[in-house]
Structure formats: C-alpha cells, structure tokens
Amino acid sequence: MTVSYSDIRNLHNLLDYDVRKFTIAEIQLQKVLALWLKRASSVKLKSIIQKYSDHVAEHVKKFESFYEEEHIPSISISNRVMQAFIDEAEEKMNHCSDNSVRDASMLASIQEINHYKISIYGTASAFANTLGMTKTAEVFHNAEINEKQIDDRLSQLAEHEINVNAKVSIVLPK
C-alpha cells in the first residue's frame, strides 16, 4: 500500500504518514546527537547521549522494517517539529558561556525532544493496536518505553549533577 500525503483516508493511512514523519525525525535527531555528544562536558551526560543515540539507531532500523511490510516508499521529507526543537536547542546552547550551563541547556533540550517522542510513539502504538497490528504496536510501545527510560536517566542526572553544577556561577574578580 503506497500512500501519498493526499490519501490519508483512514487510520492505517494516518499511521503510515506518522511513521514516515517520525522516522525522519529520528534521523534528524541522530545527526544532531553526534554533534551534541562532542559538545557535552559532563562524562555522564555524554554516556546518556551515546546510549540515546544507540536507541535512536535501533528505532530507525525497526521502522525501516515497518516500511518494508507496508510497502511505504523511502522518505525524503523533513520533520518540521524536530527541526524546530533542534534549532531552538542550538540557539539556546550558543548563548551559554559556561560549559555546565550548556550541559544543563542540552539536557533540557534533549528531554523536550524526548517528551515529544514519548507522545508520538504512544499514539502510534494506540493506532496500531486499534488496527489489530499487534507486532507493530509492540515496536512502537517498546520505542516509547526506551524514551521513558532515557527520560528517567536524564531527570536523575539533571537533579543530582547537571543542574547543581550549572547553579554555581563562576565569578571572576574585577
């Protein structure tokens, strides 16, 4: 079933459309996470970003299997929502003059993206369940669980290290 954007006539078409959009979002995120990994100063934050990047790569692989099953053509679109998250994060981080504050900004931006992804995967899982696509629903549900686990790790790191370090400002004598 090949679906063009003008052919969203039912829930199945909507699911196919959404999967196209969030797969490209994952690809966009994967590229930026590699850059953010280099910019992070906290070793623990770097570790979580690497783990997150691994999850993103895993999601993309699984979604490509969905494409094959659904006979969805490869995508060459952009996800404007993900790009807006990335652009906002970059702008904010570029204004941070302290590494620990940049780490706090980066972590918060990753969590914003993460929360967006939790909602889209939950919705995709619900759509797939409604359509009787149990295996597909499980793939999206597992992606949602991965996102929630990363969110928990980020929250713990923010609370116990990153935000604490960013709170302490460095005052240089005049």
C-alpha atoms as a PDB file:
ATOM      1  CA  MET A   1       0.000   0.000   0.000  1.00  0.00           C
ATOM      2  CA  THR A   2       1.678   3.176  -1.201  1.00  0.00           C
ATOM      3  CA  VAL A   3       0.209   6.269   0.382  1.00  0.00           C
ATOM      4  CA  SER A   4       0.677   9.814  -0.801  1.00  0.00           C
ATOM      5  CA  TYR A   5       0.056  12.679   1.551  1.00  0.00           C
ATOM      6  CA  SER A   6      -3.258  13.469  -0.114  1.00  0.00           C
ATOM      7  CA  ASP A   7      -4.500   9.926   0.522  1.00  0.00           C
ATOM      8  CA  ILE A   8      -4.960   9.874   4.287  1.00  0.00           C
ATOM      9  CA  ARG A   9      -8.407   8.303   4.244  1.00  0.00           C
ATOM     10  CA  ASN A  10      -8.285   6.060   7.277  1.00  0.00           C
ATOM     11  CA  LEU A  11      -6.372   5.304  10.455  1.00  0.00           C
ATOM     12  CA  HIS A  12      -3.987   2.974   8.655  1.00  0.00           C
ATOM     13  CA  ASN A  13      -3.023   5.717   6.183  1.00  0.00           C
ATOM     14  CA  LEU A  14      -2.566   8.101   9.112  1.00  0.00           C
ATOM     15  CA  LEU A  15      -0.275   5.639  10.867  1.00  0.00           C
ATOM     16  CA  ASP A  16       1.803   5.230   7.702  1.00  0.00           C
ATOM     17  CA  TYR A  17       2.071   9.006   7.365  1.00  0.00           C
ATOM     18  CA  ASP A  18       3.060   9.433  11.012  1.00  0.00           C
ATOM     19  CA  VAL A  19       5.702   6.720  10.800  1.00  0.00           C
ATOM     20  CA  ARG A  20       7.254   8.497   7.807  1.00  0.00           C
ATOM     21  CA  LYS A  21       7.357  11.754   9.747  1.00  0.00           C
ATOM     22  CA  PHE A  22       8.802  10.388  12.971  1.00  0.00           C
ATOM     23  CA  THR A  23      11.342   8.234  11.200  1.00  0.00           C
ATOM     24  CA  ILE A  24      12.830  11.299   9.551  1.00  0.00           C
ATOM     25  CA  ALA A  25      12.688  12.990  12.968  1.00  0.00           C
ATOM     26  CA  GLU A  26      14.805  10.147  14.363  1.00  0.00           C
ATOM     27  CA  ILE A  27      17.307  10.552  11.527  1.00  0.00           C
ATOM     28  CA  GLN A  28      17.497  14.303  12.154  1.00  0.00           C
ATOM     29  CA  LEU A  29      17.984  13.652  15.876  1.00  0.00           C
ATOM     30  CA  GLN A  30      20.638  11.015  15.256  1.00  0.00           C
ATOM     31  CA  LYS A  31      22.727  13.542  13.324  1.00  0.00           C
ATOM     32  CA  VAL A  32      22.485  16.239  15.975  1.00  0.00           C
ATOM     33  CA  LEU A  33      23.132  13.872  18.880  1.00  0.00           C
ATOM     34  CA  ALA A  34      26.526  13.072  17.358  1.00  0.00           C
ATOM     35  CA  LEU A  35      27.350  16.792  17.432  1.00  0.00           C
ATOM     36  CA  TRP A  36      25.962  17.322  20.930  1.00  0.00           C
ATOM     37  CA  LEU A  37      27.955  14.355  22.197  1.00  0.00           C
ATOM     38  CA  LYS A  38      31.115  16.269  21.271  1.00  0.00           C
ATOM     39  CA  ARG A  39      29.868  19.486  22.899  1.00  0.00           C
ATOM     40  CA  ALA A  40      28.825  17.980  26.228  1.00  0.00           C
ATOM     41  CA  SER A  41      31.349  18.446  29.028  1.00  0.00           C
ATOM     42  CA  SER A  42      29.842  16.026  31.580  1.00  0.00           C
ATOM     43  CA  VAL A  43      31.059  12.447  31.168  1.00  0.00           C
ATOM     44  CA  LYS A  44      27.734  11.130  32.481  1.00  0.00           C
ATOM     45  CA  LEU A  45      25.780  13.290  30.037  1.00  0.00           C
ATOM     46  CA  LYS A  46      27.991  12.039  27.201  1.00  0.00           C
ATOM     47  CA  SER A  47      27.243   8.473  28.278  1.00  0.00           C
ATOM     48  CA  ILE A  48      23.481   9.049  28.244  1.00  0.00           C
ATOM     49  CA  ILE A  49      23.633  10.838  24.894  1.00  0.00           C
ATOM     50  CA  GLN A  50      25.549   7.877  23.447  1.00  0.00           C
ATOM     51  CA  LYS A  51      23.003   5.432  24.849  1.00  0.00           C
ATOM     52  CA  TYR A  52      20.193   7.572  23.474  1.00  0.00           C
ATOM     53  CA  SER A  53      21.862   7.701  20.077  1.00  0.00           C
ATOM     54  CA  ASP A  54      22.032   3.896  20.121  1.00  0.00           C
ATOM     55  CA  HIS A  55      18.292   3.716  20.887  1.00  0.00           C
ATOM     56  CA  VAL A  56      17.554   6.140  18.054  1.00  0.00           C
ATOM     57  CA  ALA A  57      19.557   3.992  15.612  1.00  0.00           C
ATOM     58  CA  GLU A  58      17.645   0.927  16.807  1.00  0.00           C
ATOM     59  CA  HIS A  59      14.316   2.721  16.304  1.00  0.00           C
ATOM     60  CA  VAL A  60      15.247   3.692  12.751  1.00  0.00           C
ATOM     61  CA  LYS A  61      16.111   0.070  11.913  1.00  0.00           C
ATOM     62  CA  LYS A  62      12.812  -1.208  13.284  1.00  0.00           C
ATOM     63  CA  PHE A  63      10.822   1.473  11.495  1.00  0.00           C
ATOM     64  CA  GLU A  64      12.533   0.559   8.235  1.00  0.00           C
ATOM     65  CA  SER A  65      11.131  -2.965   8.707  1.00  0.00           C
ATOM     66  CA  PHE A  66       7.692  -1.385   9.033  1.00  0.00           C
ATOM     67  CA  TYR A  67       8.304   0.412   5.715  1.00  0.00           C
ATOM     68  CA  GLU A  68       9.080  -2.881   4.030  1.00  0.00           C
ATOM     69  CA  GLU A  69       5.979  -4.570   5.442  1.00  0.00           C
ATOM     70  CA  GLU A  70       3.748  -1.654   4.490  1.00  0.00           C
ATOM     71  CA  HIS A  71       5.425  -1.044   1.110  1.00  0.00           C
ATOM     72  CA  ILE A  72       5.987   2.567   2.047  1.00  0.00           C
ATOM     73  CA  PRO A  73       8.495   4.300  -0.224  1.00  0.00           C
ATOM     74  CA  SER A  74      11.641   5.745   1.307  1.00  0.00           C
ATOM     75  CA  ILE A  75      11.300   9.196   2.726  1.00  0.00           C
ATOM     76  CA  SER A  76      12.942  12.405   1.715  1.00  0.00           C
ATOM     77  CA  ILE A  77      10.860  14.755   3.817  1.00  0.00           C
ATOM     78  CA  SER A  78      11.807  16.772   6.848  1.00  0.00           C
ATOM     79  CA  ASN A  79      10.098  16.800  10.192  1.00  0.00           C
ATOM     80  CA  ARG A  80       9.479  20.474  10.959  1.00  0.00           C
ATOM     81  CA  VAL A  81       8.689  19.778  14.604  1.00  0.00           C
ATOM     82  CA  MET A  82      12.009  18.015  15.212  1.00  0.00           C
ATOM     83  CA  GLN A  83      13.863  20.701  13.273  1.00  0.00           C
ATOM     84  CA  ALA A  84      12.248  23.375  15.448  1.00  0.00           C
ATOM     85  CA  PHE A  85      13.353  21.525  18.604  1.00  0.00           C
ATOM     86  CA  ILE A  86      16.898  21.238  17.235  1.00  0.00           C
ATOM     87  CA  ASP A  87      17.067  24.874  16.112  1.00  0.00           C
ATOM     88  CA  GLU A  88      15.779  26.116  19.474  1.00  0.00           C
ATOM     89  CA  ALA A  89      18.269  23.922  21.346  1.00  0.00           C
ATOM     90  CA  GLU A  90      21.172  25.125  19.203  1.00  0.00           C
ATOM     91  CA  GLU A  91      20.206  28.770  19.643  1.00  0.00           C
ATOM     92  CA  LYS A  92      19.948  28.389  23.408  1.00  0.00           C
ATOM     93  CA  MET A  93      23.225  26.470  23.730  1.00  0.00           C
ATOM     94  CA  ASN A  94      25.040  29.011  21.576  1.00  0.00           C
ATOM     95  CA  HIS A  95      24.202  31.671  24.167  1.00  0.00           C
ATOM     96  CA  CYS A  96      25.648  29.646  27.057  1.00  0.00           C
ATOM     97  CA  SER A  97      29.071  30.922  28.050  1.00  0.00           C
ATOM     98  CA  ASP A  98      29.689  28.264  30.705  1.00  0.00           C
ATOM     99  CA  ASN A  99      30.107  24.536  29.955  1.00  0.00           C
ATOM    100  CA  SER A 100      27.992  23.418  32.900  1.00  0.00           C
ATOM    101  CA  VAL A 101      25.167  25.748  31.874  1.00  0.00           C
ATOM    102  CA  ARG A 102      25.466  24.479  28.283  1.00  0.00           C
ATOM    103  CA  ASP A 103      25.164  20.924  29.612  1.00  0.00           C
ATOM    104  CA  ALA A 104      22.012  21.901  31.529  1.00  0.00           C
ATOM    105  CA  SER A 105      20.585  23.514  28.415  1.00  0.00           C
ATOM    106  CA  MET A 106      21.470  20.486  26.289  1.00  0.00           C
ATOM    107  CA  LEU A 107      19.952  18.058  28.773  1.00  0.00           C
ATOM    108  CA  ALA A 108      16.738  20.088  28.975  1.00  0.00           C
ATOM    109  CA  SER A 109      16.530  20.260  25.189  1.00  0.00           C
ATOM    110  CA  ILE A 110      17.007  16.508  24.865  1.00  0.00           C
ATOM    111  CA  GLN A 111      14.223  15.988  27.398  1.00  0.00           C
ATOM    112  CA  GLU A 112      11.896  18.282  25.421  1.00  0.00           C
ATOM    113  CA  ILE A 113      12.564  16.174  22.321  1.00  0.00           C
ATOM    114  CA  ASN A 114      12.206  13.024  24.378  1.00  0.00           C
ATOM    115  CA  HIS A 115       8.759  14.044  25.658  1.00  0.00           C
ATOM    116  CA  TYR A 116       7.613  14.765  22.098  1.00  0.00           C
ATOM    117  CA  LYS A 117       8.778  11.311  21.055  1.00  0.00           C
ATOM    118  CA  ILE A 118       7.043   9.617  24.009  1.00  0.00           C
ATOM    119  CA  SER A 119       3.755  11.102  22.821  1.00  0.00           C
ATOM    120  CA  ILE A 120       4.173  10.169  19.145  1.00  0.00           C
ATOM    121  CA  TYR A 121       5.192   6.598  19.926  1.00  0.00           C
ATOM    122  CA  GLY A 122       2.316   6.177  22.349  1.00  0.00           C
ATOM    123  CA  THR A 123      -0.097   7.437  19.712  1.00  0.00           C
ATOM    124  CA  ALA A 124       1.394   5.186  17.015  1.00  0.00           C
ATOM    125  CA  SER A 125       1.125   2.206  19.346  1.00  0.00           C
ATOM    126  CA  ALA A 126      -2.533   3.020  20.047  1.00  0.00           C
ATOM    127  CA  PHE A 127      -3.267   3.374  16.313  1.00  0.00           C
ATOM    128  CA  ALA A 128      -1.558   0.043  15.554  1.00  0.00           C
ATOM    129  CA  ASN A 129      -3.465  -1.704  18.367  1.00  0.00           C
ATOM    130  CA  THR A 130      -6.759  -0.330  17.066  1.00  0.00           C
ATOM    131  CA  LEU A 131      -5.853  -1.667  13.620  1.00  0.00           C
ATOM    132  CA  GLY A 132      -5.052  -5.118  15.035  1.00  0.00           C
ATOM    133  CA  MET A 133      -1.355  -4.708  14.172  1.00  0.00           C
ATOM    134  CA  THR A 134      -0.085  -6.278  17.389  1.00  0.00           C
ATOM    135  CA  LYS A 135       3.537  -6.735  16.320  1.00  0.00           C
ATOM    136  CA  THR A 136       3.757  -3.157  15.045  1.00  0.00           C
ATOM    137  CA  ALA A 137       2.076  -1.817  18.184  1.00  0.00           C
ATOM    138  CA  GLU A 138       4.696  -3.611  20.253  1.00  0.00           C
ATOM    139  CA  VAL A 139       7.532  -1.991  18.265  1.00  0.00           C
ATOM    140  CA  PHE A 140       6.106   1.477  18.926  1.00  0.00           C
ATOM    141  CA  HIS A 141       5.352   0.648  22.554  1.00  0.00           C
ATOM    142  CA  ASN A 142       8.943  -0.524  23.063  1.00  0.00           C
ATOM    143  CA  ALA A 143      10.207   2.707  21.485  1.00  0.00           C
ATOM    144  CA  GLU A 144       8.014   4.624  23.933  1.00  0.00           C
ATOM    145  CA  ILE A 145       9.462   2.612  26.843  1.00  0.00           C
ATOM    146  CA  ASN A 146      13.020   3.337  25.625  1.00  0.00           C
ATOM    147  CA  GLU A 147      12.193   7.042  25.576  1.00  0.00           C
ATOM    148  CA  LYS A 148      10.771   6.909  29.091  1.00  0.00           C
ATOM    149  CA  GLN A 149      13.889   5.127  30.360  1.00  0.00           C
ATOM    150  CA  ILE A 150      16.148   7.764  28.814  1.00  0.00           C
ATOM    151  CA  ASP A 151      13.922  10.457  30.316  1.00  0.00           C
ATOM    152  CA  ASP A 152      14.317   8.905  33.773  1.00  0.00           C
ATOM    153  CA  ARG A 153      18.107   8.794  33.397  1.00  0.00           C
ATOM    154  CA  LEU A 154      18.190  12.401  32.217  1.00  0.00           C
ATOM    155  CA  SER A 155      15.988  13.514  35.112  1.00  0.00           C
ATOM    156  CA  GLN A 156      18.243  11.808  37.642  1.00  0.00           C
ATOM    157  CA  LEU A 157      21.358  13.290  36.067  1.00  0.00           C
ATOM    158  CA  ALA A 158      19.801  16.757  35.957  1.00  0.00           C
ATOM    159  CA  GLU A 159      18.694  16.616  39.571  1.00  0.00           C
ATOM    160  CA  HIS A 160      21.899  15.192  41.044  1.00  0.00           C
ATOM    161  CA  GLU A 161      24.653  16.676  38.870  1.00  0.00           C
ATOM    162  CA  ILE A 162      23.984  18.823  35.823  1.00  0.00           C
ATOM    163  CA  ASN A 163      21.606  21.396  37.293  1.00  0.00           C
ATOM    164  CA  VAL A 164      23.590  21.549  40.542  1.00  0.00           C
ATOM    165  CA  ASN A 165      26.784  22.282  38.615  1.00  0.00           C
ATOM    166  CA  ALA A 166      25.045  24.897  36.474  1.00  0.00           C
ATOM    167  CA  LYS A 167      23.657  26.596  39.573  1.00  0.00           C
ATOM    168  CA  VAL A 168      27.140  27.512  40.766  1.00  0.00           C
ATOM    169  CA  SER A 169      28.237  30.525  38.813  1.00  0.00           C
ATOM    170  CA  ILE A 170      31.845  31.386  38.351  1.00  0.00           C
ATOM    171  CA  VAL A 171      32.517  34.965  39.401  1.00  0.00           C
ATOM    172  CA  LEU A 172      35.794  36.337  38.168  1.00  0.00           C
ATOM    173  CA  PRO A 173      37.394  39.117  40.236  1.00  0.00           C
ATOM    174  CA  LYS A 174      37.471  42.545  38.625  1.00  0.00           C
END
